[in-house]
C-alpha atoms as a PDB file:
ATOM      1  CA  MET A   1       0.000   0.000   0.000  1.00  0.00           C
ATOM      2  CA  LEU A   2       1.310   3.440  -0.890  1.00  0.00           C
ATOM      3  CA  ASN A   3       2.498   5.342   2.139  1.00  0.00           C
ATOM      4  CA  ARG A   4       0.971   8.797   1.693  1.00  0.00           C
ATOM      5  CA  ARG A   5       2.291  10.507   4.772  1.00  0.00           C
ATOM      6  CA  LEU A   6       3.490  14.059   4.227  1.00  0.00           C
ATOM      7  CA  PRO A   7       7.319  13.766   3.972  1.00  0.00           C
ATOM      8  CA  ARG A   8       7.156  10.895   1.531  1.00  0.00           C
ATOM      9  CA  LEU A   9       4.440  12.629  -0.489  1.00  0.00           C
ATOM     10  CA  ALA A  10       6.452  15.808  -0.808  1.00  0.00           C
ATOM     11  CA  ALA A  11       9.646  14.017  -1.724  1.00  0.00           C
ATOM     12  CA  ALA A  12       7.924  11.888  -4.362  1.00  0.00           C
ATOM     13  CA  VAL A  13       6.245  14.871  -5.972  1.00  0.00           C
ATOM     14  CA  ALA A  14       9.465  16.883  -5.931  1.00  0.00           C
ATOM     15  CA  VAL A  15      11.617  14.198  -7.523  1.00  0.00           C
ATOM     16  CA  VAL A  16       9.208  12.960 -10.154  1.00  0.00           C
ATOM     17  CA  LEU A  17       7.819  16.307 -11.220  1.00  0.00           C
ATOM     18  CA  ALA A  18      11.313  17.677 -11.658  1.00  0.00           C
ATOM     19  CA  SER A  19      12.254  14.735 -13.872  1.00  0.00           C
ATOM     20  CA  TRP A  20       9.085  15.237 -15.921  1.00  0.00           C
ATOM     21  CA  LEU A  21       9.737  18.924 -16.631  1.00  0.00           C
ATOM     22  CA  ILE A  22       5.996  19.508 -16.062  1.00  0.00           C
ATOM     23  CA  GLY A  23       6.341  21.640 -14.689  1.00  0.00           C
ATOM     24  CA  GLY A  24     -14.825  28.867  -0.572  1.00  0.00           C
ATOM     25  CA  CYS A  25     -18.097  30.317   0.709  1.00  0.00           C
ATOM     26  CA  VAL A  26     -15.774  31.933  -1.697  1.00  0.00           C
ATOM     27  CA  ASP A  27     -15.172  30.925  -5.279  1.00  0.00           C
ATOM     28  CA  ARG A  28     -11.520  30.211  -5.846  1.00  0.00           C
ATOM     29  CA  SER A  29     -11.653  32.542  -8.871  1.00  0.00           C
ATOM     30  CA  ASP A  30     -10.564  36.160  -8.682  1.00  0.00           C
ATOM     31  CA  LEU A  31     -11.703  38.880 -11.052  1.00  0.00           C
ATOM     32  CA  VAL A  32     -10.029  41.867  -9.373  1.00  0.00           C
ATOM     33  CA  PRO A  33      -6.592  40.724  -8.144  1.00  0.00           C
ATOM     34  CA  THR A  34      -3.999  42.980  -6.560  1.00  0.00           C
ATOM     35  CA  GLY A  35      -0.328  43.221  -7.457  1.00  0.00           C
ATOM     36  CA  SER A  36       1.118  42.655  -3.995  1.00  0.00           C
ATOM     37  CA  HIS A  37       3.609  39.892  -3.328  1.00  0.00           C
ATOM     38  CA  THR A  38       3.014  37.512  -0.438  1.00  0.00           C
ATOM     39  CA  GLU A  39       4.993  34.564   0.801  1.00  0.00           C
ATOM     40  CA  SER A  40       3.723  31.054   0.077  1.00  0.00           C
ATOM     41  CA  GLU A  41       4.406  28.093   2.345  1.00  0.00           C
ATOM     42  CA  PRO A  42       7.001  28.225   5.141  1.00  0.00           C
ATOM     43  CA  PRO A  43      10.363  26.438   4.851  1.00  0.00           C
ATOM     44  CA  GLY A  44      10.046  22.765   5.676  1.00  0.00           C
ATOM     45  CA  ALA A  45       6.506  22.441   4.325  1.00  0.00           C
ATOM     46  CA  GLN A  46       5.557  20.507   1.210  1.00  0.00           C
ATOM     47  CA  ALA A  47       5.928  23.544  -1.012  1.00  0.00           C
ATOM     48  CA  ALA A  48       9.491  24.141   0.115  1.00  0.00           C
ATOM     49  CA  LEU A  49      10.422  20.637  -1.050  1.00  0.00           C
ATOM     50  CA  ILE A  50       9.062  21.150  -4.573  1.00  0.00           C
ATOM     51  CA  PRO A  51      11.786  22.597  -6.816  1.00  0.00           C
ATOM     52  CA  SER A  52      10.984  25.938  -8.423  1.00  0.00           C
ATOM     53  CA  GLY A  53       9.728  25.421 -11.976  1.00  0.00           C
ATOM     54  CA  SER A  54       8.909  21.745 -11.485  1.00  0.00           C
ATOM     55  CA  LEU A  55       5.135  22.216 -11.769  1.00  0.00           C
ATOM     56  CA  ARG A  56       5.091  23.313 -15.380  1.00  0.00           C
ATOM     57  CA  SER A  57       1.805  21.558 -16.175  1.00  0.00           C
ATOM     58  CA  ALA A  58       0.018  24.062 -13.910  1.00  0.00           C
ATOM     59  CA  ALA A  59      -1.254  27.191 -15.634  1.00  0.00           C
ATOM     60  CA  VAL A  60      -2.678  30.585 -14.811  1.00  0.00           C
ATOM     61  CA  LEU A  61      -5.655  32.076 -16.683  1.00  0.00           C
ATOM     62  CA  VAL A  62      -5.454  35.748 -17.630  1.00  0.00           C
ATOM     63  CA  ASN A  63      -7.462  38.201 -19.683  1.00  0.00           C
ATOM     64  CA  ALA A  64      -6.456  38.105 -23.338  1.00  0.00           C
ATOM     65  CA  SER A  65      -6.064  41.886 -23.217  1.00  0.00           C
ATOM     66  CA  ALA A  66      -3.445  41.723 -20.436  1.00  0.00           C
ATOM     67  CA  PRO A  67      -0.119  43.345 -21.386  1.00  0.00           C
ATOM     68  CA  ALA A  68       2.894  41.062 -21.175  1.00  0.00           C
ATOM     69  CA  ASP A  69       4.425  43.143 -18.382  1.00  0.00           C
ATOM     70  CA  ASP A  70       1.352  43.059 -16.138  1.00  0.00           C
ATOM     71  CA  LEU A  71      -0.116  39.542 -16.084  1.00  0.00           C
ATOM     72  CA  LEU A  72      -0.796  39.526 -12.341  1.00  0.00           C
ATOM     73  CA  ALA A  73      -3.340  42.327 -12.559  1.00  0.00           C
ATOM     74  CA  SER A  74      -5.586  40.322 -14.884  1.00  0.00           C
ATOM     75  CA  ALA A  75      -5.021  36.771 -13.618  1.00  0.00           C
ATOM     76  CA  PHE A  76      -8.275  35.248 -12.398  1.00  0.00           C
ATOM     77  CA  CYS A  77      -8.015  31.449 -12.115  1.00  0.00           C
ATOM     78  CA  SER A  78      -5.672  28.473 -12.320  1.00  0.00           C
ATOM     79  CA  GLY A  79      -5.712  25.239 -14.317  1.00  0.00           C
ATOM     80  CA  VAL A  80      -3.750  22.161 -15.355  1.00  0.00           C
ATOM     81  CA  LEU A  81      -2.785  20.582 -18.664  1.00  0.00           C
ATOM     82  CA  VAL A  82      -4.578  17.280 -19.305  1.00  0.00           C
ATOM     83  CA  ALA A  83      -3.517  16.961 -22.970  1.00  0.00           C
ATOM     84  CA  GLU A  84      -1.023  18.780 -25.191  1.00  0.00           C
ATOM     85  CA  ARG A  85      -3.755  21.176 -26.357  1.00  0.00           C
ATOM     86  CA  ALA A  86      -6.250  20.946 -23.482  1.00  0.00           C
ATOM     87  CA  LEU A  87      -6.407  22.545 -20.052  1.00  0.00           C
ATOM     88  CA  ALA A  88      -8.845  21.635 -17.273  1.00  0.00           C
ATOM     89  CA  THR A  89     -10.113  24.359 -14.960  1.00  0.00           C
ATOM     90  CA  ALA A  90     -13.177  25.275 -12.901  1.00  0.00           C
ATOM     91  CA  ARG A  91     -16.232  25.948 -15.027  1.00  0.00           C
ATOM     92  CA  HIS A  92     -17.321  28.969 -12.989  1.00  0.00           C
ATOM     93  CA  CYS A  93     -14.062  30.693 -13.982  1.00  0.00           C
ATOM     94  CA  LEU A  94     -15.453  31.119 -17.501  1.00  0.00           C
ATOM     95  CA  ASP A  95     -18.731  32.748 -16.527  1.00  0.00           C
ATOM     96  CA  GLY A  96     -19.369  35.654 -18.862  1.00  0.00           C
ATOM     97  CA  ARG A  97     -16.216  34.963 -20.858  1.00  0.00           C
ATOM     98  CA  THR A  98     -15.664  33.877 -24.426  1.00  0.00           C
ATOM     99  CA  ALA A  99     -12.781  31.731 -25.630  1.00  0.00           C
ATOM    100  CA  GLU A 100     -11.284  34.772 -27.367  1.00  0.00           C
ATOM    101  CA  SER A 101     -11.184  36.726 -24.094  1.00  0.00           C
ATOM    102  CA  VAL A 102      -9.025  34.181 -22.259  1.00  0.00           C
ATOM    103  CA  HIS A 103      -5.312  33.436 -22.453  1.00  0.00           C
ATOM    104  CA  VAL A 104      -3.469  30.642 -20.652  1.00  0.00           C
ATOM    105  CA  VAL A 105       0.102  30.957 -19.374  1.00  0.00           C
ATOM    106  CA  VAL A 106       1.697  27.510 -19.020  1.00  0.00           C
ATOM    107  CA  GLY A 107       4.984  26.788 -17.261  1.00  0.00           C
ATOM    108  CA  ALA A 108       5.117  30.055 -15.312  1.00  0.00           C
ATOM    109  CA  ASP A 109       5.899  30.629 -11.653  1.00  0.00           C
ATOM    110  CA  ASN A 110       6.334  34.299 -10.757  1.00  0.00           C
ATOM    111  CA  ILE A 111       3.898  36.429 -12.782  1.00  0.00           C
ATOM    112  CA  CYS A 112       4.620  39.813 -11.209  1.00  0.00           C
ATOM    113  CA  SER A 113       5.233  42.710 -13.557  1.00  0.00           C
ATOM    114  CA  ASP A 114       8.656  43.399 -12.014  1.00  0.00           C
ATOM    115  CA  ALA A 115       9.952  39.897 -12.788  1.00  0.00           C
ATOM    116  CA  PRO A 116      10.426  38.099 -16.111  1.00  0.00           C
ATOM    117  CA  VAL A 117       7.654  35.586 -16.720  1.00  0.00           C
ATOM    118  CA  VAL A 118       9.074  32.248 -17.781  1.00  0.00           C
ATOM    119  CA  GLY A 119       6.372  30.316 -19.579  1.00  0.00           C
ATOM    120  CA  ARG A 120       4.302  30.181 -22.728  1.00  0.00           C
ATOM    121  CA  ARG A 121       1.186  32.274 -23.329  1.00  0.00           C
ATOM    122  CA  LEU A 122      -1.501  30.661 -25.488  1.00  0.00           C
ATOM    123  CA  GLY A 123      -4.897  31.573 -26.829  1.00  0.00           C
ATOM    124  CA  VAL A 124      -8.092  29.569 -26.331  1.00  0.00           C
ATOM    125  CA  VAL A 125     -10.125  28.381 -29.314  1.00  0.00           C
ATOM    126  CA  ASP A 126     -13.119  26.965 -27.468  1.00  0.00           C
ATOM    127  CA  ILE A 127     -14.557  26.124 -24.053  1.00  0.00           C
ATOM    128  CA  VAL A 128     -16.124  22.754 -23.278  1.00  0.00           C
ATOM    129  CA  GLY A 129     -18.160  22.912 -20.092  1.00  0.00           C
ATOM    130  CA  TYR A 130     -19.458  19.821 -18.335  1.00  0.00           C
ATOM    131  CA  PRO A 131     -23.016  19.349 -19.609  1.00  0.00           C
ATOM    132  CA  GLY A 132     -24.537  17.936 -16.433  1.00  0.00           C
ATOM    133  CA  GLY A 133     -25.155  21.194 -14.593  1.00  0.00           C
ATOM    134  CA  ALA A 134     -23.328  23.479 -12.188  1.00  0.00           C
ATOM    135  CA  SER A 135     -22.843  20.824  -9.484  1.00  0.00           C
ATOM    136  CA  TYR A 136     -19.815  19.471 -11.399  1.00  0.00           C
ATOM    137  CA  ASP A 137     -17.712  22.591 -11.752  1.00  0.00           C
ATOM    138  CA  VAL A 138     -15.259  21.557 -14.502  1.00  0.00           C
ATOM    139  CA  ALA A 139     -14.501  22.860 -17.982  1.00  0.00           C
ATOM    140  CA  VAL A 140     -11.848  22.107 -20.595  1.00  0.00           C
ATOM    141  CA  LEU A 141     -10.168  24.802 -22.664  1.00  0.00           C
ATOM    142  CA  HIS A 142      -8.803  23.925 -26.101  1.00  0.00           C
ATOM    143  CA  LEU A 143      -5.569  25.813 -26.749  1.00  0.00           C
ATOM    144  CA  ASP A 144      -4.590  27.365 -30.070  1.00  0.00           C
ATOM    145  CA  SER A 145      -1.373  25.339 -30.300  1.00  0.00           C
ATOM    146  CA  PRO A 146       0.170  22.285 -28.626  1.00  0.00           C
ATOM    147  CA  VAL A 147       2.402  22.670 -25.578  1.00  0.00           C
ATOM    148  CA  SER A 148       5.705  20.844 -25.171  1.00  0.00           C
ATOM    149  CA  VAL A 149       5.016  20.185 -21.498  1.00  0.00           C
ATOM    150  CA  ARG A 150       3.985  16.742 -20.353  1.00  0.00           C
ATOM    151  CA  PRO A 151       0.328  16.762 -19.190  1.00  0.00           C
ATOM    152  CA  VAL A 152      -0.537  15.135 -15.893  1.00  0.00           C
ATOM    153  CA  GLU A 153      -2.366  11.823 -15.598  1.00  0.00           C
ATOM    154  CA  VAL A 154      -5.650  11.583 -13.696  1.00  0.00           C
ATOM    155  CA  GLY A 155      -5.994   9.512 -10.527  1.00  0.00           C
ATOM    156  CA  ASP A 156      -8.331   9.202  -7.583  1.00  0.00           C
ATOM    157  CA  ALA A 157      -8.072   9.973  -3.868  1.00  0.00           C
ATOM    158  CA  ARG A 158      -9.613   8.746  -0.654  1.00  0.00           C
ATOM    159  CA  VAL A 159     -10.122  10.065   2.878  1.00  0.00           C
ATOM    160  CA  GLY A 160      -6.785  10.507   4.614  1.00  0.00           C
ATOM    161  CA  ASP A 161      -4.759  11.137   1.449  1.00  0.00           C
ATOM    162  CA  GLU A 162      -2.429  14.125   1.580  1.00  0.00           C
ATOM    163  CA  LEU A 163      -2.413  16.333  -1.493  1.00  0.00           C
ATOM    164  CA  ILE A 164      -0.735  19.436  -2.858  1.00  0.00           C
ATOM    165  CA  ALA A 165      -3.017  22.211  -4.167  1.00  0.00           C
ATOM    166  CA  VAL A 166      -1.325  24.387  -6.790  1.00  0.00           C
ATOM    167  CA  GLY A 167      -2.491  27.828  -7.879  1.00  0.00           C
ATOM    168  CA  TRP A 168      -2.052  31.600  -7.964  1.00  0.00           C
ATOM    169  CA  GLY A 169      -4.634  32.536  -5.348  1.00  0.00           C
ATOM    170  CA  ARG A 170      -4.882  35.219  -2.705  1.00  0.00           C
ATOM    171  CA  SER A 171      -3.291  34.850   0.712  1.00  0.00           C
ATOM    172  CA  GLY A 172      -6.701  35.249   2.351  1.00  0.00           C
ATOM    173  CA  LEU A 173     -10.212  36.526   1.746  1.00  0.00           C
ATOM    174  CA  GLY A 174      -9.750  40.063   0.431  1.00  0.00           C
ATOM    175  CA  GLY A 175      -5.980  39.767   0.865  1.00  0.00           C
ATOM    176  CA  PRO A 176      -3.150  40.200  -1.629  1.00  0.00           C
ATOM    177  CA  ARG A 177      -2.422  37.707  -4.378  1.00  0.00           C
ATOM    178  CA  ASP A 178       0.824  35.764  -4.511  1.00  0.00           C
ATOM    179  CA  CYS A 179       3.178  36.708  -7.313  1.00  0.00           C
ATOM    180  CA  SER A 180       4.463  33.149  -7.335  1.00  0.00           C
ATOM    181  CA  ARG A 181       2.649  29.874  -7.714  1.00  0.00           C
ATOM    182  CA  SER A 182       1.661  28.455  -4.329  1.00  0.00           C
ATOM    183  CA  SER A 183       1.713  24.811  -3.259  1.00  0.00           C
ATOM    184  CA  ILE A 184      -0.576  24.181  -0.308  1.00  0.00           C
ATOM    185  CA  PRO A 185      -0.604  20.921   1.693  1.00  0.00           C
ATOM    186  CA  LEU A 186      -4.136  19.576   2.121  1.00  0.00           C
ATOM    187  CA  GLN A 187      -5.692  16.403   3.471  1.00  0.00           C
ATOM    188  CA  VAL A 188      -8.833  14.695   2.185  1.00  0.00           C
ATOM    189  CA  VAL A 189     -11.496  14.509   4.922  1.00  0.00           C
ATOM    190  CA  PRO A 190     -14.984  12.953   4.867  1.00  0.00           C
ATOM    191  CA  VAL A 191     -17.475  14.770   2.628  1.00  0.00           C
ATOM    192  CA  THR A 192     -19.746  15.075   5.660  1.00  0.00           C
ATOM    193  CA  GLU A 193     -17.373  17.767   6.969  1.00  0.00           C
ATOM    194  CA  CYS A 194     -18.265  19.931   3.963  1.00  0.00           C
ATOM    195  CA  ARG A 195     -22.019  19.377   4.132  1.00  0.00           C
ATOM    196  CA  PRO A 196     -22.807  22.211   6.593  1.00  0.00           C
ATOM    197  CA  ALA A 197     -21.097  24.731   4.287  1.00  0.00           C
ATOM    198  CA  ALA A 198     -22.766  23.155   1.250  1.00  0.00           C
ATOM    199  CA  ASP A 199     -26.209  23.304   2.866  1.00  0.00           C
ATOM    200  CA  ALA A 200     -25.668  26.917   3.930  1.00  0.00           C
ATOM    201  CA  SER A 201     -24.830  27.917   0.353  1.00  0.00           C
ATOM    202  CA  ASN A 202     -27.359  25.585  -1.297  1.00  0.00           C
ATOM    203  CA  ARG A 203     -24.656  23.564  -3.054  1.00  0.00           C
ATOM    204  CA  PRO A 204     -24.818  19.799  -3.391  1.00  0.00           C
ATOM    205  CA  VAL A 205     -21.814  17.699  -2.403  1.00  0.00           C
ATOM    206  CA  ASP A 206     -21.470  13.941  -2.828  1.00  0.00           C
ATOM    207  CA  THR A 207     -18.817  11.311  -2.298  1.00  0.00           C
ATOM    208  CA  LEU A 208     -18.555  10.468  -6.012  1.00  0.00           C
ATOM    209  CA  ARG A 209     -17.763  13.795  -7.665  1.00  0.00           C
ATOM    210  CA  HIS A 210     -16.525  15.981  -4.822  1.00  0.00           C
ATOM    211  CA  LEU A 211     -13.543  15.915  -2.464  1.00  0.00           C
ATOM    212  CA  CYS A 212     -13.650  17.672   0.894  1.00  0.00           C
ATOM    213  CA  THR A 213     -10.261  18.921   2.130  1.00  0.00           C
ATOM    214  CA  ARG A 214      -8.627  20.763   5.015  1.00  0.00           C
ATOM    215  CA  PRO A 215      -5.189  22.376   5.154  1.00  0.00           C
ATOM    216  CA  MET A 216      -2.470  20.392   6.899  1.00  0.00           C
ATOM    217  CA  PRO A 217      -1.267  21.857  10.226  1.00  0.00           C
ATOM    218  CA  GLU A 218       1.835  23.393   8.647  1.00  0.00           C
ATOM    219  CA  ALA A 219      -0.114  25.173   5.872  1.00  0.00           C
ATOM    220  CA  ARG A 220       0.223  28.950   6.013  1.00  0.00           C
ATOM    221  CA  ARG A 221      -2.939  29.502   4.004  1.00  0.00           C
ATOM    222  CA  ASN A 222      -5.899  27.710   2.490  1.00  0.00           C
ATOM    223  CA  THR A 223      -6.914  27.759  -1.162  1.00  0.00           C
ATOM    224  CA  CYS A 224      -8.633  31.053  -1.888  1.00  0.00           C
ATOM    225  CA  SER A 225      -9.725  33.441  -4.644  1.00  0.00           C
ATOM    226  CA  GLY A 226      -7.652  32.798  -7.761  1.00  0.00           C
ATOM    227  CA  ASP A 227      -6.909  29.148  -6.960  1.00  0.00           C
ATOM    228  CA  SER A 228     -10.080  27.908  -8.690  1.00  0.00           C
ATOM    229  CA  GLY A 229      -9.316  25.282 -11.306  1.00  0.00           C
ATOM    230  CA  GLY A 230      -5.843  24.596  -9.956  1.00  0.00           C
ATOM    231  CA  PRO A 231      -4.798  20.945  -9.545  1.00  0.00           C
ATOM    232  CA  LEU A 232      -4.717  18.838  -6.393  1.00  0.00           C
ATOM    233  CA  LEU A 233      -1.828  16.389  -6.816  1.00  0.00           C
ATOM    234  CA  ARG A 234      -0.593  13.197  -5.195  1.00  0.00           C
ATOM    235  CA  PRO A 235       1.869  10.477  -6.278  1.00  0.00           C
ATOM    236  CA  GLY A 236       0.332   7.450  -7.951  1.00  0.00           C
ATOM    237  CA  ALA A 237       1.029   3.841  -7.023  1.00  0.00           C
ATOM    238  CA  ASP A 238       4.243   3.882  -9.078  1.00  0.00           C
ATOM    239  CA  GLY A 239       5.354   7.216  -7.638  1.00  0.00           C
ATOM    240  CA  VAL A 240       4.299   9.250 -10.675  1.00  0.00           C
ATOM    241  CA  PRO A 241       2.290  12.339  -9.637  1.00  0.00           C
ATOM    242  CA  VAL A 242      -1.340  12.419 -10.709  1.00  0.00           C
ATOM    243  CA  VAL A 243      -4.018  15.088 -10.534  1.00  0.00           C
ATOM    244  CA  VAL A 244      -7.043  13.967  -8.539  1.00  0.00           C
ATOM    245  CA  ALA A 245      -9.210  17.088  -8.419  1.00  0.00           C
ATOM    246  CA  LEU A 246      -9.558  20.794  -9.200  1.00  0.00           C
ATOM    247  CA  THR A 247     -10.029  23.509  -6.567  1.00  0.00           C
ATOM    248  CA  ALA A 248     -13.601  24.832  -6.590  1.00  0.00           C
ATOM    249  CA  TRP A 249     -15.032  26.549  -3.501  1.00  0.00           C
ATOM    250  CA  GLY A 250     -15.174  26.751   0.282  1.00  0.00           C
ATOM    251  CA  PRO A 251     -16.820  28.683   3.126  1.00  0.00           C
ATOM    252  CA  GLY A 252     -13.728  30.855   3.557  1.00  0.00           C
ATOM    253  CA  CYS A 253      -9.980  31.002   3.126  1.00  0.00           C
ATOM    254  CA  GLU A 254      -8.767  30.433   6.683  1.00  0.00           C
ATOM    255  CA  THR A 255      -6.624  27.435   7.558  1.00  0.00           C
ATOM    256  CA  ASP A 256      -9.458  25.953   9.619  1.00  0.00           C
ATOM    257  CA  ASP A 257     -11.953  26.166   6.731  1.00  0.00           C
ATOM    258  CA  VAL A 258     -12.889  23.201   4.592  1.00  0.00           C
ATOM    259  CA  GLY A 259     -12.649  23.318   0.818  1.00  0.00           C
ATOM    260  CA  VAL A 260     -14.522  21.502  -1.940  1.00  0.00           C
ATOM    261  CA  ALA A 261     -12.725  20.215  -5.026  1.00  0.00           C
ATOM    262  CA  MET A 262     -14.051  18.500  -8.150  1.00  0.00           C
ATOM    263  CA  SER A 263     -12.890  14.887  -8.531  1.00  0.00           C
ATOM    264  CA  LEU A 264     -11.633  14.233 -12.064  1.00  0.00           C
ATOM    265  CA  ALA A 265     -11.679  10.433 -11.936  1.00  0.00           C
ATOM    266  CA  SER A 266     -15.443  10.496 -11.351  1.00  0.00           C
ATOM    267  CA  GLU A 267     -16.059  11.907 -14.849  1.00  0.00           C
ATOM    268  CA  LEU A 268     -12.947  10.602 -16.598  1.00  0.00           C
ATOM    269  CA  ALA A 269     -14.752   9.467 -19.768  1.00  0.00           C
ATOM    270  CA  TRP A 270     -16.197  12.945 -20.280  1.00  0.00           C
ATOM    271  CA  LEU A 271     -12.852  14.599 -19.476  1.00  0.00           C
ATOM    272  CA  ARG A 272     -11.073  12.499 -22.091  1.00  0.00           C
ATOM    273  CA  SER A 273     -13.663  13.239 -24.750  1.00  0.00           C
ATOM    274  CA  ALA A 274     -13.577  16.946 -23.927  1.00  0.00           C
ATOM    275  CA  ALA A 275      -9.774  17.034 -24.035  1.00  0.00           C
ATOM    276  CA  THR A 276      -9.643  15.313 -27.423  1.00  0.00           C
ATOM    277  CA  GLY A 277     -12.338  17.501 -28.938  1.00  0.00           C
ATOM    278  CA  SER A 278     -15.067  14.887 -29.260  1.00  0.00           C
ATOM    279  CA  ALA A 279     -17.324  16.622 -26.731  1.00  0.00           C
ATOM    280  CA  ALA A 280     -19.344  19.564 -28.023  1.00  0.00           C
ATOM    281  CA  PRO A 281     -18.265  23.080 -26.962  1.00  0.00           C
ATOM    282  CA  ALA A 282     -20.553  24.658 -24.403  1.00  0.00           C
ATOM    283  CA  THR A 283     -20.905  27.992 -22.700  1.00  0.00           C
ATOM    284  CA  ALA A 284     -19.949  28.198 -19.050  1.00  0.00           C
ATOM    285  CA  GLY A 285     -22.674  27.629 -16.507  1.00  0.00           C
ATOM    286  CA  PRO A 286     -24.040  30.261 -14.129  1.00  0.00           C
ATOM    287  CA  ARG A 287     -21.487  31.456 -11.631  1.00  0.00           C
ATOM    288  CA  ALA A 288     -22.454  31.219  -7.981  1.00  0.00           C
ATOM    289  CA  SER A 289     -21.335  34.076  -5.758  1.00  0.00           C
ATOM    290  CA  THR A 290     -19.461  31.762  -3.415  1.00  0.00           C
ATOM    291  CA  ASN A 291     -16.864  30.146  -5.685  1.00  0.00           C
ATOM    292  CA  ARG A 292     -13.131  30.535  -5.045  1.00  0.00           C
END
């Protein structure tokens, strides 16, 4: 049985991702980010053990109109490559947006205007939203050209698993946004722990399509606005990192708040068809006011 305790998890993700070169109630999207820099995880935590630049399959979504020297000001969500021309993200991130209005920056880390952005900026040719309604908050973006970054594989997770959430979110509700990509240690907890928040916001949660998470004790922050659509990673049975879910929403951004993520394995057939272009493009569903 795979030992998924924190030190081994962090070490496995660090080593394998580097060799790959893949690099609320608040929605984890962010439409009006600030340009302030904040620190991510403290030394010794999972994030500190992941080499800079090793998470190149993670991506940040920005407005297509954003100037190259000011990406942070128009970044609004995160995502992850699931094919060479397909990126998975949270469906609510695309509310009110067209494919032409969105750009994706793959392979970046620091996106502040006072630092060079290492990565590739791509256009979006269409948006494929999950057709089953807003309860499964996932969409796939088709990119205008292939990316020479290895996409992640999809896996599952169970209660007790320790994961790494990756994204460019705020440091707290209403707080500044990180310039650099954050890696936040989370643990999967029973879905029942998310039901009070789900009931309060009239959102369904179930054990099949949703993961309920809490930050690990050493986490300096929770997922928050701007982290929506970012991947939750763990090593697979052979040590290769897999993405198990995408950040979606939570009752808040404090380290004692739960968070809800969308399981990808639960709708893997649809995800594969959407990534390969065999699923019909769809407009994004209605955005609830409580997403990350």
